[in-house]
Amino acid sequence: MLRTITNTIKRYPEQALLFLYNAGIFAWMQSTSHSIMEQIGIDSNWFDKIPEPIKAWTGASLESMQTLLNSSAWGWLIVSMILMLVIRFVKGLIKFVIMLIIIGGGLYLLWQNKELVQSLV
């Protein structure tokens, strides 16, 4: 089993590194959303600090904001893993652009989440 995993990593190094990156972003988003929910919960005070585009996306309701917060990490994991599989079958500039989208999307989510947490404190 370990030998198969090692051979797969050697054969597909880009996918292995993207998998580790995606799993790290997923774990960070999951733990951050849970810590936000445990520390402050969702109330109208917290809801006022959320950026307007996110409020518009969730219909400005607390229940849908809580659902978004709980499912955003899973959404990131699923979409990024699908894109990771697509990278396996494309080459050249398209492959490079998709990798940039995955990495840039993860960094954007980290940046947005960091800003949200700092504004809540």
N, C-alpha and C. Protein backbone atom coordinates (compact mmCIF):
# COMPACT_ATOMS: atom_id res chain seq x y z
N MET A 1 0.82 -1.19 0.00
CA MET A 1 0.00 0.00 0.00
C MET A 1 0.87 1.26 0.00
N LEU A 2 1.85 1.30 0.89
CA LEU A 2 2.74 2.46 0.96
C LEU A 2 3.56 2.59 -0.32
N ARG A 3 3.94 1.46 -0.87
CA ARG A 3 4.70 1.47 -2.12
C ARG A 3 3.87 2.04 -3.27
N THR A 4 2.60 1.68 -3.31
CA THR A 4 1.70 2.19 -4.34
C THR A 4 1.54 3.70 -4.21
N ILE A 5 1.38 4.18 -2.99
CA ILE A 5 1.25 5.62 -2.77
C ILE A 5 2.52 6.35 -3.17
N THR A 6 3.68 5.80 -2.81
CA THR A 6 4.95 6.41 -3.18
C THR A 6 5.13 6.45 -4.69
N ASN A 7 4.79 5.38 -5.37
CA ASN A 7 4.89 5.36 -6.83
C ASN A 7 3.94 6.36 -7.48
N THR A 8 2.75 6.47 -6.94
CA THR A 8 1.79 7.44 -7.47
C THR A 8 2.30 8.86 -7.28
N ILE A 9 2.88 9.16 -6.14
CA ILE A 9 3.45 10.49 -5.90
C ILE A 9 4.59 10.77 -6.86
N LYS A 10 5.43 9.79 -7.11
CA LYS A 10 6.54 9.98 -8.05
C LYS A 10 6.03 10.14 -9.48
N ARG A 11 4.97 9.44 -9.81
CA ARG A 11 4.45 9.50 -11.17
C ARG A 11 3.68 10.79 -11.44
N TYR A 12 2.94 11.28 -10.44
CA TYR A 12 2.11 12.49 -10.59
C TYR A 12 2.46 13.50 -9.49
N PRO A 13 3.64 14.12 -9.56
CA PRO A 13 4.03 15.03 -8.47
C PRO A 13 3.16 16.29 -8.37
N GLU A 14 2.68 16.81 -9.50
CA GLU A 14 1.83 18.01 -9.45
C GLU A 14 0.53 17.72 -8.72
N GLN A 15 -0.09 16.59 -9.04
CA GLN A 15 -1.34 16.24 -8.40
C GLN A 15 -1.13 15.96 -6.91
N ALA A 16 -0.01 15.35 -6.56
CA ALA A 16 0.26 15.06 -5.15
C ALA A 16 0.43 16.35 -4.35
N LEU A 17 1.16 17.32 -4.92
CA LEU A 17 1.35 18.59 -4.22
C LEU A 17 0.04 19.38 -4.14
N LEU A 18 -0.73 19.37 -5.21
CA LEU A 18 -2.03 20.05 -5.17
C LEU A 18 -2.97 19.38 -4.18
N PHE A 19 -2.90 18.07 -4.08
CA PHE A 19 -3.73 17.36 -3.10
C PHE A 19 -3.37 17.80 -1.68
N LEU A 20 -2.07 17.87 -1.38
CA LEU A 20 -1.65 18.32 -0.05
C LEU A 20 -2.08 19.76 0.21
N TYR A 21 -1.92 20.61 -0.79
CA TYR A 21 -2.32 22.01 -0.67
C TYR A 21 -3.83 22.12 -0.41
N ASN A 22 -4.61 21.41 -1.21
CA ASN A 22 -6.07 21.44 -1.07
C ASN A 22 -6.51 20.90 0.29
N ALA A 23 -5.87 19.83 0.72
CA ALA A 23 -6.22 19.26 2.03
C ALA A 23 -5.87 20.23 3.15
N GLY A 24 -4.76 20.94 3.01
CA GLY A 24 -4.37 21.93 4.02
C GLY A 24 -5.34 23.09 4.08
N ILE A 25 -5.74 23.61 2.92
CA ILE A 25 -6.72 24.70 2.87
C ILE A 25 -8.04 24.22 3.47
N PHE A 26 -8.45 23.00 3.12
CA PHE A 26 -9.69 22.44 3.64
C PHE A 26 -9.64 22.36 5.17
N ALA A 27 -8.56 21.82 5.70
CA ALA A 27 -8.45 21.66 7.15
C ALA A 27 -8.45 23.02 7.85
N TRP A 28 -7.73 23.98 7.26
CA TRP A 28 -7.69 25.31 7.86
C TRP A 28 -9.07 25.96 7.84
N MET A 29 -9.77 25.88 6.71
CA MET A 29 -11.10 26.48 6.62
C MET A 29 -12.08 25.80 7.57
N GLN A 30 -11.98 24.50 7.67
CA GLN A 30 -12.89 23.75 8.55
C GLN A 30 -12.66 24.14 10.00
N SER A 31 -11.40 24.17 10.43
CA SER A 31 -11.12 24.50 11.83
C SER A 31 -11.44 25.96 12.13
N THR A 32 -11.18 26.86 11.18
CA THR A 32 -11.48 28.27 11.40
C THR A 32 -12.98 28.51 11.51
N SER A 33 -13.74 27.89 10.64
CA SER A 33 -15.20 28.09 10.70
C SER A 33 -15.77 27.53 12.00
N HIS A 34 -15.24 26.39 12.44
CA HIS A 34 -15.72 25.83 13.70
C HIS A 34 -15.33 26.71 14.89
N SER A 35 -14.11 27.26 14.86
CA SER A 35 -13.70 28.12 15.98
C SER A 35 -14.50 29.42 16.01
N ILE A 36 -14.84 29.96 14.83
CA ILE A 36 -15.68 31.15 14.79
C ILE A 36 -17.05 30.84 15.39
N MET A 37 -17.62 29.71 14.99
CA MET A 37 -18.94 29.35 15.49
C MET A 37 -18.92 29.12 17.00
N GLU A 38 -17.85 28.49 17.51
CA GLU A 38 -17.78 28.21 18.94
C GLU A 38 -17.54 29.48 19.76
N GLN A 39 -16.68 30.38 19.25
CA GLN A 39 -16.33 31.56 20.03
C GLN A 39 -17.43 32.60 20.06
N ILE A 40 -18.01 32.89 18.91
CA ILE A 40 -18.96 34.00 18.88
C ILE A 40 -20.34 33.62 18.41
N GLY A 41 -20.46 32.48 17.75
CA GLY A 41 -21.76 32.13 17.21
C GLY A 41 -22.16 33.09 16.11
N ILE A 42 -23.36 32.95 15.62
CA ILE A 42 -23.85 33.88 14.61
C ILE A 42 -24.99 34.66 15.24
N ASP A 43 -24.82 35.96 15.32
CA ASP A 43 -25.89 36.83 15.79
C ASP A 43 -25.93 38.07 14.91
N SER A 44 -26.81 38.99 15.21
CA SER A 44 -26.96 40.17 14.35
C SER A 44 -25.72 41.06 14.42
N ASN A 45 -25.03 41.10 15.56
CA ASN A 45 -23.79 41.87 15.66
C ASN A 45 -22.74 41.36 14.69
N TRP A 46 -22.57 40.07 14.67
CA TRP A 46 -21.60 39.43 13.77
C TRP A 46 -22.03 39.61 12.33
N PHE A 47 -23.31 39.51 12.09
CA PHE A 47 -23.85 39.59 10.73
C PHE A 47 -23.60 40.97 10.11
N ASP A 48 -23.56 42.02 10.93
CA ASP A 48 -23.31 43.37 10.41
C ASP A 48 -21.90 43.53 9.88
N LYS A 49 -20.96 42.72 10.33
CA LYS A 49 -19.56 42.85 9.92
C LYS A 49 -19.22 42.07 8.66
N ILE A 50 -20.16 41.31 8.15
CA ILE A 50 -19.93 40.51 6.94
C ILE A 50 -19.99 41.41 5.72
N PRO A 51 -19.08 41.24 4.75
CA PRO A 51 -19.10 42.07 3.54
C PRO A 51 -20.42 41.93 2.78
N GLU A 52 -20.83 43.01 2.14
CA GLU A 52 -22.11 43.07 1.43
C GLU A 52 -22.27 42.01 0.34
N PRO A 53 -21.23 41.73 -0.49
CA PRO A 53 -21.43 40.70 -1.53
C PRO A 53 -21.78 39.33 -0.95
N ILE A 54 -21.21 38.99 0.19
CA ILE A 54 -21.52 37.70 0.81
C ILE A 54 -22.94 37.73 1.38
N LYS A 55 -23.33 38.86 1.95
CA LYS A 55 -24.71 38.98 2.44
C LYS A 55 -25.71 38.82 1.29
N ALA A 56 -25.41 39.46 0.16
CA ALA A 56 -26.31 39.36 -0.99
C ALA A 56 -26.38 37.93 -1.50
N TRP A 57 -25.25 37.23 -1.47
CA TRP A 57 -25.20 35.86 -1.96
C TRP A 57 -26.02 34.92 -1.10
N THR A 58 -26.06 35.19 0.21
CA THR A 58 -26.79 34.31 1.12
C THR A 58 -28.21 34.79 1.38
N GLY A 59 -28.62 35.86 0.75
CA GLY A 59 -29.98 36.35 0.94
C GLY A 59 -30.17 37.08 2.26
N ALA A 60 -29.09 37.51 2.88
CA ALA A 60 -29.11 38.29 4.13
C ALA A 60 -29.87 37.58 5.25
N SER A 61 -29.74 36.27 5.35
CA SER A 61 -30.37 35.55 6.47
C SER A 61 -29.29 34.83 7.28
N LEU A 62 -29.50 34.78 8.58
CA LEU A 62 -28.53 34.15 9.47
C LEU A 62 -28.41 32.65 9.21
N GLU A 63 -29.52 32.00 8.91
CA GLU A 63 -29.49 30.55 8.69
C GLU A 63 -28.67 30.19 7.45
N SER A 64 -28.87 30.94 6.37
CA SER A 64 -28.10 30.63 5.16
C SER A 64 -26.64 31.01 5.33
N MET A 65 -26.33 32.02 6.15
CA MET A 65 -24.93 32.36 6.42
C MET A 65 -24.27 31.23 7.20
N GLN A 66 -24.98 30.66 8.15
CA GLN A 66 -24.44 29.54 8.92
C GLN A 66 -24.22 28.33 8.01
N THR A 67 -25.14 28.07 7.12
CA THR A 67 -24.99 26.97 6.17
C THR A 67 -23.79 27.20 5.27
N LEU A 68 -23.62 28.43 4.78
CA LEU A 68 -22.47 28.76 3.93
C LEU A 68 -21.16 28.55 4.69
N LEU A 69 -21.12 29.00 5.93
CA LEU A 69 -19.91 28.87 6.73
C LEU A 69 -19.58 27.41 6.98
N ASN A 70 -20.59 26.59 7.21
CA ASN A 70 -20.36 25.17 7.46
C ASN A 70 -20.00 24.40 6.19
N SER A 71 -20.47 24.85 5.03
CA SER A 71 -20.24 24.09 3.80
C SER A 71 -19.14 24.66 2.91
N SER A 72 -18.59 25.82 3.24
CA SER A 72 -17.59 26.42 2.36
C SER A 72 -16.32 25.58 2.25
N ALA A 73 -15.91 24.97 3.34
CA ALA A 73 -14.70 24.14 3.30
C ALA A 73 -14.93 22.91 2.42
N TRP A 74 -16.10 22.28 2.54
CA TRP A 74 -16.40 21.11 1.71
C TRP A 74 -16.51 21.50 0.25
N GLY A 75 -17.10 22.66 -0.01
CA GLY A 75 -17.21 23.14 -1.40
C GLY A 75 -15.85 23.36 -2.01
N TRP A 76 -14.94 23.98 -1.23
CA TRP A 76 -13.58 24.19 -1.71
C TRP A 76 -12.92 22.85 -2.02
N LEU A 77 -13.05 21.89 -1.13
CA LEU A 77 -12.41 20.59 -1.33
C LEU A 77 -12.93 19.91 -2.59
N ILE A 78 -14.22 19.89 -2.78
CA ILE A 78 -14.81 19.21 -3.94
C ILE A 78 -14.41 19.88 -5.24
N VAL A 79 -14.56 21.20 -5.33
CA VAL A 79 -14.23 21.91 -6.57
C VAL A 79 -12.75 21.82 -6.88
N SER A 80 -11.90 21.98 -5.88
CA SER A 80 -10.46 21.92 -6.14
C SER A 80 -10.00 20.52 -6.53
N MET A 81 -10.63 19.49 -5.97
CA MET A 81 -10.27 18.13 -6.36
C MET A 81 -10.72 17.82 -7.79
N ILE A 82 -11.87 18.34 -8.19
CA ILE A 82 -12.30 18.16 -9.58
C ILE A 82 -11.34 18.85 -10.52
N LEU A 83 -10.94 20.08 -10.18
CA LEU A 83 -9.96 20.79 -11.02
C LEU A 83 -8.62 20.07 -11.03
N MET A 84 -8.26 19.45 -9.92
CA MET A 84 -7.01 18.70 -9.87
C MET A 84 -7.05 17.52 -10.83
N LEU A 85 -8.19 16.86 -10.94
CA LEU A 85 -8.32 15.77 -11.90
C LEU A 85 -8.28 16.28 -13.34
N VAL A 86 -8.87 17.44 -13.58
CA VAL A 86 -8.84 18.03 -14.92
C VAL A 86 -7.40 18.35 -15.33
N ILE A 87 -6.60 18.80 -14.38
CA ILE A 87 -5.20 19.12 -14.67
C ILE A 87 -4.46 17.90 -15.21
N ARG A 88 -4.84 16.74 -14.75
CA ARG A 88 -4.18 15.51 -15.21
C ARG A 88 -4.34 15.30 -16.72
N PHE A 89 -5.44 15.77 -17.29
CA PHE A 89 -5.74 15.48 -18.69
C PHE A 89 -5.47 16.64 -19.64
N VAL A 90 -5.13 17.81 -19.14
CA VAL A 90 -4.83 18.93 -20.02
C VAL A 90 -3.34 19.26 -19.94
N LYS A 91 -2.87 20.00 -20.93
CA LYS A 91 -1.45 20.33 -20.97
C LYS A 91 -1.27 21.79 -21.35
N GLY A 92 -0.05 22.25 -21.15
CA GLY A 92 0.32 23.58 -21.62
C GLY A 92 -0.26 24.72 -20.82
N LEU A 93 -0.68 25.74 -21.54
CA LEU A 93 -1.15 26.98 -20.92
C LEU A 93 -2.43 26.76 -20.10
N ILE A 94 -3.31 25.91 -20.57
CA ILE A 94 -4.56 25.65 -19.84
C ILE A 94 -4.24 25.02 -18.48
N LYS A 95 -3.29 24.11 -18.46
CA LYS A 95 -2.88 23.46 -17.21
C LYS A 95 -2.32 24.50 -16.24
N PHE A 96 -1.50 25.39 -16.75
CA PHE A 96 -0.90 26.43 -15.92
C PHE A 96 -1.97 27.37 -15.36
N VAL A 97 -2.93 27.74 -16.19
CA VAL A 97 -4.00 28.64 -15.76
C VAL A 97 -4.87 27.98 -14.69
N ILE A 98 -5.20 26.71 -14.86
CA ILE A 98 -6.02 26.01 -13.86
C ILE A 98 -5.27 25.91 -12.54
N MET A 99 -3.96 25.63 -12.59
CA MET A 99 -3.18 25.58 -11.35
C MET A 99 -3.16 26.94 -10.67
N LEU A 100 -3.02 28.00 -11.45
CA LEU A 100 -3.05 29.34 -10.86
C LEU A 100 -4.40 29.65 -10.23
N ILE A 101 -5.47 29.20 -10.86
CA ILE A 101 -6.81 29.41 -10.31
C ILE A 101 -6.96 28.69 -8.97
N ILE A 102 -6.48 27.46 -8.89
CA ILE A 102 -6.58 26.70 -7.63
C ILE A 102 -5.75 27.37 -6.54
N ILE A 103 -4.50 27.69 -6.85
CA ILE A 103 -3.63 28.31 -5.85
C ILE A 103 -4.13 29.70 -5.48
N GLY A 104 -4.49 30.48 -6.48
CA GLY A 104 -5.01 31.82 -6.22
C GLY A 104 -6.31 31.79 -5.44
N GLY A 105 -7.19 30.85 -5.77
CA GLY A 105 -8.45 30.72 -5.03
C GLY A 105 -8.22 30.38 -3.57
N GLY A 106 -7.28 29.49 -3.31
CA GLY A 106 -6.97 29.13 -1.93
C GLY A 106 -6.39 30.30 -1.16
N LEU A 107 -5.47 31.03 -1.80
CA LEU A 107 -4.88 32.19 -1.14
C LEU A 107 -5.93 33.28 -0.91
N TYR A 108 -6.83 33.46 -1.87
CA TYR A 108 -7.91 34.44 -1.71
C TYR A 108 -8.81 34.07 -0.54
N LEU A 109 -9.17 32.80 -0.43
CA LEU A 109 -10.01 32.37 0.68
C LEU A 109 -9.30 32.56 2.02
N LEU A 110 -8.00 32.28 2.06
CA LEU A 110 -7.24 32.51 3.29
C LEU A 110 -7.24 33.99 3.65
N TRP A 111 -7.02 34.83 2.65
CA TRP A 111 -6.97 36.27 2.89
C TRP A 111 -8.32 36.79 3.36
N GLN A 112 -9.39 36.38 2.71
CA GLN A 112 -10.73 36.81 3.09
C GLN A 112 -11.08 36.34 4.50
N ASN A 113 -10.76 35.10 4.81
CA ASN A 113 -11.09 34.56 6.12
C ASN A 113 -10.28 35.26 7.21
N LYS A 114 -9.03 35.56 6.92
CA LYS A 114 -8.18 36.25 7.89
C LYS A 114 -8.74 37.63 8.18
N GLU A 115 -9.18 38.32 7.15
CA GLU A 115 -9.75 39.66 7.31
C GLU A 115 -11.05 39.60 8.12
N LEU A 116 -11.86 38.61 7.87
CA LEU A 116 -13.12 38.45 8.59
C LEU A 116 -12.87 38.17 10.07
N VAL A 117 -11.92 37.30 10.36
CA VAL A 117 -11.61 36.97 11.75
C VAL A 117 -11.05 38.18 12.48
N GLN A 118 -10.17 38.95 11.82
CA GLN A 118 -9.61 40.14 12.46
C GLN A 118 -10.67 41.20 12.71
N SER A 119 -11.65 41.32 11.83
CA SER A 119 -12.69 42.32 12.04
C SER A 119 -13.65 41.92 13.16
N LEU A 120 -13.73 40.64 13.46
CA LEU A 120 -14.62 40.18 14.53
C LEU A 120 -14.01 40.36 15.91
N VAL A 121 -12.69 40.42 15.97
CA VAL A 121 -12.02 40.50 17.28
C VAL A 121 -12.01 41.89 17.82
